[in-house]
Amino acid sequence: MMAADQAAEDLFLELLHAFEQQGRNVSDKKNAPTYAPTMFAAYPQGNGTTRKAFSDAMARLFASRKIRVETYGRPSRPYTKLVATTPK
């Protein structure tokens, strides 16, 4: 179980980095159309990992402070996105 959790976390960080490189922002908000676990599970490089596995990995990554939410956009209409705290 521990190896599967670590693999999901590594894949989450890898896909987060790939999305950042493409200029695609993902969210931590469950109802957002860009909810990271949903986006990553649907992505071909997601390797069949489920949305639930990505969601659990995201929670663990927040707890270990490997990812965080960053604000961007106009001050009058800010947006948020997920970013890795450790460079890839």
PDB file of N, CA and C in Angstrom:
ATOM      1  N   MET A   1       0.827  -1.187   0.000  1.00  0.00           N
ATOM      2  CA  MET A   1       0.000   0.000   0.000  1.00  0.00           C
ATOM      3  C   MET A   1       0.879   1.263   0.000  1.00  0.00           C
ATOM      4  N   MET A   2       1.945   1.212   0.767  1.00  0.00           N
ATOM      5  CA  MET A   2       2.823   2.369   0.867  1.00  0.00           C
ATOM      6  C   MET A   2       3.464   2.696  -0.485  1.00  0.00           C
ATOM      7  N   ALA A   3       3.848   1.691  -1.233  1.00  0.00           N
ATOM      8  CA  ALA A   3       4.474   1.901  -2.541  1.00  0.00           C
ATOM      9  C   ALA A   3       3.472   2.511  -3.517  1.00  0.00           C
ATOM     10  N   ALA A   4       2.224   2.069  -3.455  1.00  0.00           N
ATOM     11  CA  ALA A   4       1.189   2.616  -4.339  1.00  0.00           C
ATOM     12  C   ALA A   4       0.927   4.079  -4.003  1.00  0.00           C
ATOM     13  N   ASP A   5       0.912   4.399  -2.703  1.00  0.00           N
ATOM     14  CA  ASP A   5       0.716   5.791  -2.289  1.00  0.00           C
ATOM     15  C   ASP A   5       1.854   6.670  -2.791  1.00  0.00           C
ATOM     16  N   GLN A   6       3.074   6.185  -2.641  1.00  0.00           N
ATOM     17  CA  GLN A   6       4.239   6.950  -3.088  1.00  0.00           C
ATOM     18  C   GLN A   6       4.229   7.119  -4.605  1.00  0.00           C
ATOM     19  N   ALA A   7       3.830   6.085  -5.322  1.00  0.00           N
ATOM     20  CA  ALA A   7       3.754   6.165  -6.782  1.00  0.00           C
ATOM     21  C   ALA A   7       2.717   7.195  -7.209  1.00  0.00           C
ATOM     22  N   ALA A   8       1.577   7.238  -6.522  1.00  0.00           N
ATOM     23  CA  ALA A   8       0.530   8.212  -6.848  1.00  0.00           C
ATOM     24  C   ALA A   8       1.013   9.632  -6.567  1.00  0.00           C
ATOM     25  N   GLU A   9       1.735   9.820  -5.463  1.00  0.00           N
ATOM     26  CA  GLU A   9       2.274  11.142  -5.147  1.00  0.00           C
ATOM     27  C   GLU A   9       3.302  11.580  -6.189  1.00  0.00           C
ATOM     28  N   ASP A  10       4.187  10.664  -6.551  1.00  0.00           N
ATOM     29  CA  ASP A  10       5.201  10.991  -7.569  1.00  0.00           C
ATOM     30  C   ASP A  10       4.553  11.343  -8.902  1.00  0.00           C
ATOM     31  N   LEU A  11       3.539  10.568  -9.291  1.00  0.00           N
ATOM     32  CA  LEU A  11       2.842  10.832 -10.550  1.00  0.00           C
ATOM     33  C   LEU A  11       2.103  12.163 -10.478  1.00  0.00           C
ATOM     34  N   PHE A  12       1.490  12.458  -9.328  1.00  0.00           N
ATOM     35  CA  PHE A  12       0.793  13.733  -9.151  1.00  0.00           C
ATOM     36  C   PHE A  12       1.767  14.889  -9.373  1.00  0.00           C
ATOM     37  N   LEU A  13       2.934  14.827  -8.725  1.00  0.00           N
ATOM     38  CA  LEU A  13       3.926  15.896  -8.876  1.00  0.00           C
ATOM     39  C   LEU A  13       4.438  15.990 -10.313  1.00  0.00           C
ATOM     40  N   GLU A  14       4.631  14.843 -10.939  1.00  0.00           N
ATOM     41  CA  GLU A  14       5.100  14.821 -12.328  1.00  0.00           C
ATOM     42  C   GLU A  14       4.070  15.477 -13.254  1.00  0.00           C
ATOM     43  N   LEU A  15       2.801  15.134 -13.078  1.00  0.00           N
ATOM     44  CA  LEU A  15       1.759  15.718 -13.921  1.00  0.00           C
ATOM     45  C   LEU A  15       1.555  17.196 -13.605  1.00  0.00           C
ATOM     46  N   LEU A  16       1.672  17.571 -12.342  1.00  0.00           N
ATOM     47  CA  LEU A  16       1.561  18.986 -11.975  1.00  0.00           C
ATOM     48  C   LEU A  16       2.652  19.787 -12.679  1.00  0.00           C
ATOM     49  N   HIS A  17       3.854  19.253 -12.680  1.00  0.00           N
ATOM     50  CA  HIS A  17       4.963  19.919 -13.367  1.00  0.00           C
ATOM     51  C   HIS A  17       4.689  20.004 -14.881  1.00  0.00           C
ATOM     52  N   ALA A  18       4.197  18.920 -15.469  1.00  0.00           N
ATOM     53  CA  ALA A  18       3.902  18.914 -16.903  1.00  0.00           C
ATOM     54  C   ALA A  18       2.825  19.947 -17.240  1.00  0.00           C
ATOM     55  N   PHE A  19       1.786  20.032 -16.424  1.00  0.00           N
ATOM     56  CA  PHE A  19       0.728  21.002 -16.664  1.00  0.00           C
ATOM     57  C   PHE A  19       1.271  22.427 -16.525  1.00  0.00           C
ATOM     58  N   GLU A  20       2.124  22.670 -15.529  1.00  0.00           N
ATOM     59  CA  GLU A  20       2.718  23.999 -15.361  1.00  0.00           C
ATOM     60  C   GLU A  20       3.541  24.377 -16.585  1.00  0.00           C
ATOM     61  N   GLN A  21       4.315  23.428 -17.110  1.00  0.00           N
ATOM     62  CA  GLN A  21       5.140  23.675 -18.297  1.00  0.00           C
ATOM     63  C   GLN A  21       4.285  24.013 -19.511  1.00  0.00           C
ATOM     64  N   GLN A  22       3.072  23.468 -19.564  1.00  0.00           N
ATOM     65  CA  GLN A  22       2.152  23.724 -20.672  1.00  0.00           C
ATOM     66  C   GLN A  22       1.329  24.989 -20.453  1.00  0.00           C
ATOM     67  N   GLY A  23       1.483  25.614 -19.287  1.00  0.00           N
ATOM     68  CA  GLY A  23       0.709  26.818 -18.989  1.00  0.00           C
ATOM     69  C   GLY A  23      -0.715  26.512 -18.577  1.00  0.00           C
ATOM     70  N   ARG A  24      -0.972  25.283 -18.129  1.00  0.00           N
ATOM     71  CA  ARG A  24      -2.315  24.864 -17.722  1.00  0.00           C
ATOM     72  C   ARG A  24      -2.377  24.827 -16.202  1.00  0.00           C
ATOM     73  N   ASN A  25      -3.297  25.601 -15.641  1.00  0.00           N
ATOM     74  CA  ASN A  25      -3.447  25.654 -14.193  1.00  0.00           C
ATOM     75  C   ASN A  25      -4.461  24.618 -13.733  1.00  0.00           C
ATOM     76  N   VAL A  26      -4.191  24.022 -12.573  1.00  0.00           N
ATOM     77  CA  VAL A  26      -5.128  23.086 -11.964  1.00  0.00           C
ATOM     78  C   VAL A  26      -5.472  23.585 -10.570  1.00  0.00           C
ATOM     79  N   SER A  27      -6.622  23.155 -10.084  1.00  0.00           N
ATOM     80  CA  SER A  27      -7.164  23.664  -8.837  1.00  0.00           C
ATOM     81  C   SER A  27      -7.257  22.579  -7.776  1.00  0.00           C
ATOM     82  N   ASP A  28      -7.335  23.030  -6.522  1.00  0.00           N
ATOM     83  CA  ASP A  28      -7.571  22.125  -5.408  1.00  0.00           C
ATOM     84  C   ASP A  28      -9.051  22.072  -5.039  1.00  0.00           C
ATOM     85  N   LYS A  29      -9.866  22.877  -5.692  1.00  0.00           N
ATOM     86  CA  LYS A  29     -11.294  22.960  -5.387  1.00  0.00           C
ATOM     87  C   LYS A  29     -12.066  21.854  -6.118  1.00  0.00           C
ATOM     88  N   LYS A  30     -12.801  21.058  -5.341  1.00  0.00           N
ATOM     89  CA  LYS A  30     -13.495  19.890  -5.883  1.00  0.00           C
ATOM     90  C   LYS A  30     -14.478  20.207  -7.002  1.00  0.00           C
ATOM     91  N   ASN A  31     -15.151  21.337  -6.924  1.00  0.00           N
ATOM     92  CA  ASN A  31     -16.175  21.667  -7.921  1.00  0.00           C
ATOM     93  C   ASN A  31     -15.641  22.449  -9.117  1.00  0.00           C
ATOM     94  N   ALA A  32     -14.355  22.722  -9.123  1.00  0.00           N
ATOM     95  CA  ALA A  32     -13.757  23.470 -10.233  1.00  0.00           C
ATOM     96  C   ALA A  32     -13.619  22.568 -11.457  1.00  0.00           C
ATOM     97  N   PRO A  33     -13.797  23.118 -12.647  1.00  0.00           N
ATOM     98  CA  PRO A  33     -13.614  22.299 -13.851  1.00  0.00           C
ATOM     99  C   PRO A  33     -12.158  21.868 -14.047  1.00  0.00           C
ATOM    100  N   THR A  34     -11.248  22.521 -13.341  1.00  0.00           N
ATOM    101  CA  THR A  34      -9.827  22.173 -13.452  1.00  0.00           C
ATOM    102  C   THR A  34      -9.323  21.485 -12.181  1.00  0.00           C
ATOM    103  N   TYR A  35     -10.194  20.768 -11.485  1.00  0.00           N
ATOM    104  CA  TYR A  35      -9.811  20.041 -10.268  1.00  0.00           C
ATOM    105  C   TYR A  35      -8.698  19.062 -10.625  1.00  0.00           C
ATOM    106  N   ALA A  36      -7.553  19.214  -9.967  1.00  0.00           N
ATOM    107  CA  ALA A  36      -6.345  18.469 -10.326  1.00  0.00           C
ATOM    108  C   ALA A  36      -6.555  16.950 -10.406  1.00  0.00           C
ATOM    109  N   PRO A  37      -7.137  16.293  -9.398  1.00  0.00           N
ATOM    110  CA  PRO A  37      -7.303  14.838  -9.507  1.00  0.00           C
ATOM    111  C   PRO A  37      -8.140  14.403 -10.718  1.00  0.00           C
ATOM    112  N   THR A  38      -9.165  15.157 -11.042  1.00  0.00           N
ATOM    113  CA  THR A  38      -9.991  14.822 -12.207  1.00  0.00           C
ATOM    114  C   THR A  38      -9.216  15.013 -13.502  1.00  0.00           C
ATOM    115  N   MET A  39      -8.498  16.132 -13.584  1.00  0.00           N
ATOM    116  CA  MET A  39      -7.705  16.413 -14.789  1.00  0.00           C
ATOM    117  C   MET A  39      -6.617  15.357 -14.984  1.00  0.00           C
ATOM    118  N   PHE A  40      -5.922  14.997 -13.911  1.00  0.00           N
ATOM    119  CA  PHE A  40      -4.824  14.045 -14.003  1.00  0.00           C
ATOM    120  C   PHE A  40      -5.317  12.640 -14.328  1.00  0.00           C
ATOM    121  N   ALA A  41      -6.457  12.250 -13.767  1.00  0.00           N
ATOM    122  CA  ALA A  41      -7.009  10.916 -14.035  1.00  0.00           C
ATOM    123  C   ALA A  41      -7.430  10.783 -15.496  1.00  0.00           C
ATOM    124  N   ALA A  42      -7.874  11.880 -16.095  1.00  0.00           N
ATOM    125  CA  ALA A  42      -8.313  11.855 -17.491  1.00  0.00           C
ATOM    126  C   ALA A  42      -7.154  11.997 -18.472  1.00  0.00           C
ATOM    127  N   TYR A  43      -6.000  12.402 -17.994  1.00  0.00           N
ATOM    128  CA  TYR A  43      -4.830  12.636 -18.841  1.00  0.00           C
ATOM    129  C   TYR A  43      -4.209  11.296 -19.242  1.00  0.00           C
ATOM    130  N   PRO A  44      -3.784  11.132 -20.485  1.00  0.00           N
ATOM    131  CA  PRO A  44      -3.211   9.850 -20.923  1.00  0.00           C
ATOM    132  C   PRO A  44      -2.019   9.390 -20.089  1.00  0.00           C
ATOM    133  N   GLN A  45      -1.208  10.318 -19.607  1.00  0.00           N
ATOM    134  CA  GLN A  45      -0.056   9.939 -18.788  1.00  0.00           C
ATOM    135  C   GLN A  45      -0.441   9.622 -17.348  1.00  0.00           C
ATOM    136  N   GLY A  46      -1.731   9.661 -17.044  1.00  0.00           N
ATOM    137  CA  GLY A  46      -2.220   9.319 -15.717  1.00  0.00           C
ATOM    138  C   GLY A  46      -2.085   7.838 -15.409  1.00  0.00           C
ATOM    139  N   ASN A  47      -1.769   7.043 -16.419  1.00  0.00           N
ATOM    140  CA  ASN A  47      -1.502   5.606 -16.265  1.00  0.00           C
ATOM    141  C   ASN A  47      -2.616   4.840 -15.554  1.00  0.00           C
ATOM    142  N   GLY A  48      -3.858   5.246 -15.752  1.00  0.00           N
ATOM    143  CA  GLY A  48      -4.976   4.523 -15.155  1.00  0.00           C
ATOM    144  C   GLY A  48      -5.183   4.792 -13.678  1.00  0.00           C
ATOM    145  N   THR A  49      -4.454   5.745 -13.112  1.00  0.00           N
ATOM    146  CA  THR A  49      -4.633   6.103 -11.707  1.00  0.00           C
ATOM    147  C   THR A  49      -5.987   6.779 -11.547  1.00  0.00           C
ATOM    148  N   THR A  50      -6.720   6.404 -10.512  1.00  0.00           N
ATOM    149  CA  THR A  50      -8.068   6.930 -10.322  1.00  0.00           C
ATOM    150  C   THR A  50      -8.061   8.328  -9.732  1.00  0.00           C
ATOM    151  N   ARG A  51      -9.192   8.990  -9.875  1.00  0.00           N
ATOM    152  CA  ARG A  51      -9.367  10.318  -9.300  1.00  0.00           C
ATOM    153  C   ARG A  51      -9.221  10.250  -7.787  1.00  0.00           C
ATOM    154  N   LYS A  52      -9.743   9.198  -7.184  1.00  0.00           N
ATOM    155  CA  LYS A  52      -9.651   9.014  -5.727  1.00  0.00           C
ATOM    156  C   LYS A  52      -8.191   8.883  -5.285  1.00  0.00           C
ATOM    157  N   ALA A  53      -7.406   8.118  -6.023  1.00  0.00           N
ATOM    158  CA  ALA A  53      -5.991   7.953  -5.679  1.00  0.00           C
ATOM    159  C   ALA A  53      -5.254   9.284  -5.790  1.00  0.00           C
ATOM    160  N   PHE A  54      -5.568  10.060  -6.838  1.00  0.00           N
ATOM    161  CA  PHE A  54      -4.948  11.382  -6.983  1.00  0.00           C
ATOM    162  C   PHE A  54      -5.414  12.335  -5.882  1.00  0.00           C
ATOM    163  N   SER A  55      -6.683  12.249  -5.505  1.00  0.00           N
ATOM    164  CA  SER A  55      -7.215  13.092  -4.442  1.00  0.00           C
ATOM    165  C   SER A  55      -6.528  12.786  -3.112  1.00  0.00           C
ATOM    166  N   ASP A  56      -6.352  11.514  -2.804  1.00  0.00           N
ATOM    167  CA  ASP A  56      -5.646  11.115  -1.583  1.00  0.00           C
ATOM    168  C   ASP A  56      -4.186  11.568  -1.630  1.00  0.00           C
ATOM    169  N   ALA A  57      -3.563  11.436  -2.798  1.00  0.00           N
ATOM    170  CA  ALA A  57      -2.171  11.867  -2.956  1.00  0.00           C
ATOM    171  C   ALA A  57      -2.062  13.374  -2.749  1.00  0.00           C
ATOM    172  N   MET A  58      -3.028  14.127  -3.273  1.00  0.00           N
ATOM    173  CA  MET A  58      -3.016  15.575  -3.114  1.00  0.00           C
ATOM    174  C   MET A  58      -3.106  15.947  -1.628  1.00  0.00           C
ATOM    175  N   ALA A  59      -3.945  15.262  -0.879  1.00  0.00           N
ATOM    176  CA  ALA A  59      -4.075  15.529   0.556  1.00  0.00           C
ATOM    177  C   ALA A  59      -2.757  15.255   1.281  1.00  0.00           C
ATOM    178  N   ARG A  60      -2.105  14.160   0.929  1.00  0.00           N
ATOM    179  CA  ARG A  60      -0.816  13.839   1.556  1.00  0.00           C
ATOM    180  C   ARG A  60       0.255  14.863   1.178  1.00  0.00           C
ATOM    181  N   LEU A  61       0.241  15.307  -0.080  1.00  0.00           N
ATOM    182  CA  LEU A  61       1.223  16.294  -0.529  1.00  0.00           C
ATOM    183  C   LEU A  61       1.014  17.645   0.155  1.00  0.00           C
ATOM    184  N   PHE A  62      -0.240  18.028   0.389  1.00  0.00           N
ATOM    185  CA  PHE A  62      -0.513  19.247   1.151  1.00  0.00           C
ATOM    186  C   PHE A  62       0.011  19.085   2.577  1.00  0.00           C
ATOM    187  N   ALA A  63      -0.245  17.940   3.179  1.00  0.00           N
ATOM    188  CA  ALA A  63       0.174  17.689   4.560  1.00  0.00           C
ATOM    189  C   ALA A  63       1.698  17.725   4.700  1.00  0.00           C
ATOM    190  N   SER A  64       2.393  17.232   3.692  1.00  0.00           N
ATOM    191  CA  SER A  64       3.859  17.224   3.740  1.00  0.00           C
ATOM    192  C   SER A  64       4.463  18.508   3.154  1.00  0.00           C
ATOM    193  N   ARG A  65       3.591  19.444   2.781  1.00  0.00           N
ATOM    194  CA  ARG A  65       3.990  20.759   2.251  1.00  0.00           C
ATOM    195  C   ARG A  65       4.815  20.678   0.969  1.00  0.00           C
ATOM    196  N   LYS A  66       4.496  19.697   0.138  1.00  0.00           N
ATOM    197  CA  LYS A  66       5.177  19.578  -1.154  1.00  0.00           C
ATOM    198  C   LYS A  66       4.430  20.332  -2.249  1.00  0.00           C
ATOM    199  N   ILE A  67       3.155  20.661  -1.990  1.00  0.00           N
ATOM    200  CA  ILE A  67       2.372  21.491  -2.904  1.00  0.00           C
ATOM    201  C   ILE A  67       1.684  22.562  -2.073  1.00  0.00           C
ATOM    202  N   ARG A  68       1.293  23.635  -2.760  1.00  0.00           N
ATOM    203  CA  ARG A  68       0.571  24.712  -2.087  1.00  0.00           C
ATOM    204  C   ARG A  68      -0.335  25.405  -3.096  1.00  0.00           C
ATOM    205  N   VAL A  69      -1.218  26.241  -2.587  1.00  0.00           N
ATOM    206  CA  VAL A  69      -2.109  27.033  -3.433  1.00  0.00           C
ATOM    207  C   VAL A  69      -1.489  28.408  -3.587  1.00  0.00           C
ATOM    208  N   GLU A  70      -1.433  28.871  -4.824  1.00  0.00           N
ATOM    209  CA  GLU A  70      -0.862  30.186  -5.127  1.00  0.00           C
ATOM    210  C   GLU A  70      -1.929  31.052  -5.775  1.00  0.00           C
ATOM    211  N   THR A  71      -1.950  32.317  -5.420  1.00  0.00           N
ATOM    212  CA  THR A  71      -2.895  33.276  -5.996  1.00  0.00           C
ATOM    213  C   THR A  71      -2.238  33.970  -7.175  1.00  0.00           C
ATOM    214  N   TYR A  72      -3.015  34.183  -8.220  1.00  0.00           N
ATOM    215  CA  TYR A  72      -2.523  34.907  -9.391  1.00  0.00           C
ATOM    216  C   TYR A  72      -3.671  35.695  -9.992  1.00  0.00           C
ATOM    217  N   GLY A  73      -3.366  36.568 -10.936  1.00  0.00           N
ATOM    218  CA  GLY A  73      -4.395  37.353 -11.608  1.00  0.00           C
ATOM    219  C   GLY A  73      -4.499  38.756 -11.035  1.00  0.00           C
ATOM    220  N   ARG A  74      -5.536  39.438 -11.422  1.00  0.00           N
ATOM    221  CA  ARG A  74      -5.760  40.814 -10.966  1.00  0.00           C
ATOM    222  C   ARG A  74      -6.106  40.833  -9.477  1.00  0.00           C
ATOM    223  N   PRO A  75      -5.666  41.843  -8.757  1.00  0.00           N
ATOM    224  CA  PRO A  75      -6.022  41.932  -7.337  1.00  0.00           C
ATOM    225  C   PRO A  75      -7.534  42.028  -7.114  1.00  0.00           C
ATOM    226  N   SER A  76      -8.233  42.623  -8.061  1.00  0.00           N
ATOM    227  CA  SER A  76      -9.678  42.756  -7.916  1.00  0.00           C
ATOM    228  C   SER A  76     -10.424  41.454  -8.241  1.00  0.00           C
ATOM    229  N   ARG A  77      -9.760  40.531  -8.933  1.00  0.00           N
ATOM    230  CA  ARG A  77     -10.370  39.245  -9.288  1.00  0.00           C
ATOM    231  C   ARG A  77      -9.294  38.160  -9.245  1.00  0.00           C
ATOM    232  N   PRO A  78      -8.850  37.806  -8.051  1.00  0.00           N
ATOM    233  CA  PRO A  78      -7.769  36.817  -7.955  1.00  0.00           C
ATOM    234  C   PRO A  78      -8.245  35.400  -8.274  1.00  0.00           C
ATOM    235  N   TYR A  79      -7.335  34.603  -8.777  1.00  0.00           N
ATOM    236  CA  TYR A  79      -7.560  33.193  -9.047  1.00  0.00           C
ATOM    237  C   TYR A  79      -6.527  32.402  -8.250  1.00  0.00           C
ATOM    238  N   THR A  80      -6.763  31.115  -8.103  1.00  0.00           N
ATOM    239  CA  THR A  80      -5.795  30.272  -7.404  1.00  0.00           C
ATOM    240  C   THR A  80      -5.409  29.101  -8.285  1.00  0.00           C
ATOM    241  N   LYS A  81      -4.219  28.563  -8.014  1.00  0.00           N
ATOM    242  CA  LYS A  81      -3.741  27.392  -8.734  1.00  0.00           C
ATOM    243  C   LYS A  81      -2.830  26.596  -7.816  1.00  0.00           C
ATOM    244  N   LEU A  82      -2.663  25.315  -8.124  1.00  0.00           N
ATOM    245  CA  LEU A  82      -1.741  24.470  -7.382  1.00  0.00           C
ATOM    246  C   LEU A  82      -0.346  24.624  -7.950  1.00  0.00           C
ATOM    247  N   VAL A  83       0.640  24.680  -7.070  1.00  0.00           N
ATOM    248  CA  VAL A  83       2.039  24.713  -7.491  1.00  0.00           C
ATOM    249  C   VAL A  83       2.847  23.804  -6.561  1.00  0.00           C
ATOM    250  N   ALA A  84       3.901  23.250  -7.095  1.00  0.00           N
ATOM    251  CA  ALA A  84       4.812  22.427  -6.296  1.00  0.00           C
ATOM    252  C   ALA A  84       5.752  23.342  -5.535  1.00  0.00           C
ATOM    253  N   THR A  85       6.037  23.014  -4.287  1.00  0.00           N
ATOM    254  CA  THR A  85       6.959  23.829  -3.503  1.00  0.00           C
ATOM    255  C   THR A  85       8.395  23.405  -3.735  1.00  0.00           C
ATOM    256  N   THR A  86       8.579  22.184  -4.238  1.00  0.00           N
ATOM    257  CA  THR A  86       9.912  21.688  -4.552  1.00  0.00           C
ATOM    258  C   THR A  86      10.085  21.669  -6.061  1.00  0.00           C
ATOM    259  N   PRO A  87      11.162  22.218  -6.585  1.00  0.00           N
ATOM    260  CA  PRO A  87      11.349  22.223  -8.037  1.00  0.00           C
ATOM    261  C   PRO A  87      11.531  20.813  -8.569  1.00  0.00           C
ATOM    262  N   LYS A  88      11.073  20.593  -9.770  1.00  0.00           N
ATOM    263  CA  LYS A  88      11.167  19.271 -10.422  1.00  0.00           C
ATOM    264  C   LYS A  88      12.486  19.154 -11.101  1.00  0.00           C
TER     265      LYS A  88
END
